Amino acid sequence: MTDYDQLPLGDLKHRIRSLSEDELQRVRDHEREHGNRTPVLQVIEARLDELGRGAEPAPGDQRNAPRVSGAAGGSSVSPEHSPDGNTPLRHGVYEQTPARGRD
């Protein structure tokens, strides 16, 4: 499946609908061995249950699916754009004395 490991759960729900039971079992085995993400396994198991009760794979070819945009892992934001370590918190500092009139 194209970009499987980078697919958000919502996209995965749609893409697995075209897989056969054998293909879906291979995806499940891959997930268990690599990510072992509970929400992903739940979606796969639910679809396997549907197929086991007579559902048919949806038409479509995974090779025609659009690629996931963005880089796998990491952020394109560099640390130079982060605030300094001594920048005060937006709503004050933990040990700051309370404002007058509030107790």
C-alpha atoms as a PDB file:
ATOM      1  CA  MET A   1       0.000   0.000   0.000  1.00  0.00           C
ATOM      2  CA  THR A   2       1.451   3.350  -1.052  1.00  0.00           C
ATOM      3  CA  ASP A   3       2.953   5.277   1.907  1.00  0.00           C
ATOM      4  CA  TYR A   4       1.227   2.966   4.406  1.00  0.00           C
ATOM      5  CA  ASP A   5       3.340   3.993   7.398  1.00  0.00           C
ATOM      6  CA  GLN A   6       2.593   7.705   6.843  1.00  0.00           C
ATOM      7  CA  LEU A   7      -1.161   7.383   6.262  1.00  0.00           C
ATOM      8  CA  PRO A   8      -3.429   9.144   8.746  1.00  0.00           C
ATOM      9  CA  LEU A   9      -6.088   6.856  10.227  1.00  0.00           C
ATOM     10  CA  GLY A  10      -8.892   8.458   8.179  1.00  0.00           C
ATOM     11  CA  ASP A  11      -7.085   7.796   4.900  1.00  0.00           C
ATOM     12  CA  LEU A  12      -6.249   4.265   5.976  1.00  0.00           C
ATOM     13  CA  LYS A  13      -9.948   3.531   6.575  1.00  0.00           C
ATOM     14  CA  HIS A  14     -10.690   4.374   2.951  1.00  0.00           C
ATOM     15  CA  ARG A  15      -7.676   2.698   1.385  1.00  0.00           C
ATOM     16  CA  ILE A  16      -8.118  -0.675   3.053  1.00  0.00           C
ATOM     17  CA  ARG A  17     -11.612  -1.033   1.608  1.00  0.00           C
ATOM     18  CA  SER A  18     -10.176  -2.181  -1.735  1.00  0.00           C
ATOM     19  CA  LEU A  19      -7.991  -4.896  -0.182  1.00  0.00           C
ATOM     20  CA  SER A  20      -8.854  -8.582  -0.230  1.00  0.00           C
ATOM     21  CA  GLU A  21      -8.904 -10.572   2.987  1.00  0.00           C
ATOM     22  CA  ASP A  22      -5.422 -12.015   2.279  1.00  0.00           C
ATOM     23  CA  GLU A  23      -3.983  -8.571   1.516  1.00  0.00           C
ATOM     24  CA  LEU A  24      -5.563  -7.111   4.636  1.00  0.00           C
ATOM     25  CA  GLN A  25      -4.142  -9.911   6.788  1.00  0.00           C
ATOM     26  CA  ARG A  26      -0.676  -9.091   5.440  1.00  0.00           C
ATOM     27  CA  VAL A  27      -1.220  -5.407   6.322  1.00  0.00           C
ATOM     28  CA  ARG A  28      -2.338  -6.449   9.819  1.00  0.00           C
ATOM     29  CA  ASP A  29       0.762  -8.624  10.261  1.00  0.00           C
ATOM     30  CA  HIS A  30       2.971  -5.738   9.099  1.00  0.00           C
ATOM     31  CA  GLU A  31       1.284  -3.383  11.552  1.00  0.00           C
ATOM     32  CA  ARG A  32       1.697  -5.806  14.450  1.00  0.00           C
ATOM     33  CA  GLU A  33       5.407  -6.240  13.680  1.00  0.00           C
ATOM     34  CA  HIS A  34       6.195  -2.558  13.140  1.00  0.00           C
ATOM     35  CA  GLY A  35       3.880   0.123  14.520  1.00  0.00           C
ATOM     36  CA  ASN A  36       1.466  -2.003  16.562  1.00  0.00           C
ATOM     37  CA  ARG A  37      -0.888   1.007  16.761  1.00  0.00           C
ATOM     38  CA  THR A  38      -4.106   0.017  18.517  1.00  0.00           C
ATOM     39  CA  PRO A  39      -6.451   2.332  16.513  1.00  0.00           C
ATOM     40  CA  VAL A  40      -4.990   1.051  13.225  1.00  0.00           C
ATOM     41  CA  LEU A  41      -5.338  -2.583  14.293  1.00  0.00           C
ATOM     42  CA  GLN A  42      -8.944  -1.925  15.347  1.00  0.00           C
ATOM     43  CA  VAL A  43      -9.777  -0.521  11.893  1.00  0.00           C
ATOM     44  CA  ILE A  44      -8.104  -3.474  10.179  1.00  0.00           C
ATOM     45  CA  GLU A  45      -9.855  -6.019  12.416  1.00  0.00           C
ATOM     46  CA  ALA A  46     -13.229  -4.347  11.811  1.00  0.00           C
ATOM     47  CA  ARG A  47     -12.700  -4.529   8.044  1.00  0.00           C
ATOM     48  CA  LEU A  48     -11.592  -8.169   8.286  1.00  0.00           C
ATOM     49  CA  ASP A  49     -14.808  -8.865  10.190  1.00  0.00           C
ATOM     50  CA  GLU A  50     -16.850  -7.178   7.435  1.00  0.00           C
ATOM     51  CA  LEU A  51     -15.088  -9.261   4.778  1.00  0.00           C
ATOM     52  CA  GLY A  52     -15.655 -12.405   6.840  1.00  0.00           C
ATOM     53  CA  ARG A  53     -19.392 -11.632   6.903  1.00  0.00           C
ATOM     54  CA  GLY A  54     -19.556 -11.394   3.109  1.00  0.00           C
ATOM     55  CA  ALA A  55     -18.508  -7.826   2.260  1.00  0.00           C
ATOM     56  CA  GLU A  56     -16.638  -7.436  -1.011  1.00  0.00           C
ATOM     57  CA  PRO A  57     -13.519  -5.336  -1.540  1.00  0.00           C
ATOM     58  CA  ALA A  58     -14.347  -1.976  -3.074  1.00  0.00           C
ATOM     59  CA  PRO A  59     -13.194  -1.384  -6.642  1.00  0.00           C
ATOM     60  CA  GLY A  60      -9.922   0.426  -6.981  1.00  0.00           C
ATOM     61  CA  ASP A  61      -6.214  -0.143  -7.284  1.00  0.00           C
ATOM     62  CA  GLN A  62      -3.847   0.884  -4.487  1.00  0.00           C
ATOM     63  CA  ARG A  63      -1.151   1.639  -7.074  1.00  0.00           C
ATOM     64  CA  ASN A  64      -3.292   4.551  -8.295  1.00  0.00           C
ATOM     65  CA  ALA A  65      -3.722   6.064  -4.834  1.00  0.00           C
ATOM     66  CA  PRO A  66      -2.172   9.512  -4.378  1.00  0.00           C
ATOM     67  CA  ARG A  67       1.034   9.665  -2.390  1.00  0.00           C
ATOM     68  CA  VAL A  68       0.999  11.160   1.090  1.00  0.00           C
ATOM     69  CA  SER A  69       2.344  14.692   1.021  1.00  0.00           C
ATOM     70  CA  GLY A  70       5.001  15.848   3.448  1.00  0.00           C
ATOM     71  CA  ALA A  71       8.100  14.186   4.747  1.00  0.00           C
ATOM     72  CA  ALA A  72       7.976  11.088   6.863  1.00  0.00           C
ATOM     73  CA  GLY A  73       8.872  12.007  10.431  1.00  0.00           C
ATOM     74  CA  GLY A  74      10.416  15.219  11.569  1.00  0.00           C
ATOM     75  CA  SER A  75       9.313  18.776  11.136  1.00  0.00           C
ATOM     76  CA  SER A  76      10.255  21.331   8.533  1.00  0.00           C
ATOM     77  CA  VAL A  77      10.376  23.973  11.288  1.00  0.00           C
ATOM     78  CA  SER A  78      13.918  24.711  12.394  1.00  0.00           C
ATOM     79  CA  PRO A  79      14.899  25.390  16.029  1.00  0.00           C
ATOM     80  CA  GLU A  80      16.086  28.893  15.079  1.00  0.00           C
ATOM     81  CA  HIS A  81      12.406  29.913  14.901  1.00  0.00           C
ATOM     82  CA  SER A  82      11.709  28.757  18.469  1.00  0.00           C
ATOM     83  CA  PRO A  83      11.488  31.257  21.343  1.00  0.00           C
ATOM     84  CA  ASP A  84      14.448  31.662  23.662  1.00  0.00           C
ATOM     85  CA  GLY A  85      14.493  29.502  26.775  1.00  0.00           C
ATOM     86  CA  ASN A  86      14.044  32.594  28.961  1.00  0.00           C
ATOM     87  CA  THR A  87      10.925  33.869  27.164  1.00  0.00           C
ATOM     88  CA  PRO A  88       8.168  34.308  29.782  1.00  0.00           C
ATOM     89  CA  LEU A  89       5.110  32.118  29.517  1.00  0.00           C
ATOM     90  CA  ARG A  90       2.144  33.699  27.808  1.00  0.00           C
ATOM     91  CA  HIS A  91       0.007  33.744  30.935  1.00  0.00           C
ATOM     92  CA  GLY A  92       2.727  34.561  33.407  1.00  0.00           C
ATOM     93  CA  VAL A  93       5.221  32.524  35.308  1.00  0.00           C
ATOM     94  CA  TYR A  94       4.364  29.804  37.801  1.00  0.00           C
ATOM     95  CA  GLU A  95       6.074  31.433  40.781  1.00  0.00           C
ATOM     96  CA  GLN A  96       4.889  34.924  39.880  1.00  0.00           C
ATOM     97  CA  THR A  97       2.995  36.766  42.643  1.00  0.00           C
ATOM     98  CA  PRO A  98      -0.751  36.994  42.031  1.00  0.00           C
ATOM     99  CA  ALA A  99      -2.215  40.167  40.560  1.00  0.00           C
ATOM    100  CA  ARG A 100      -3.597  42.717  42.970  1.00  0.00           C
ATOM    101  CA  GLY A 101      -7.168  42.209  43.986  1.00  0.00           C
ATOM    102  CA  ARG A 102      -7.013  38.438  43.362  1.00  0.00           C
ATOM    103  CA  ASP A 103      -6.277  35.950  46.078  1.00  0.00           C
END
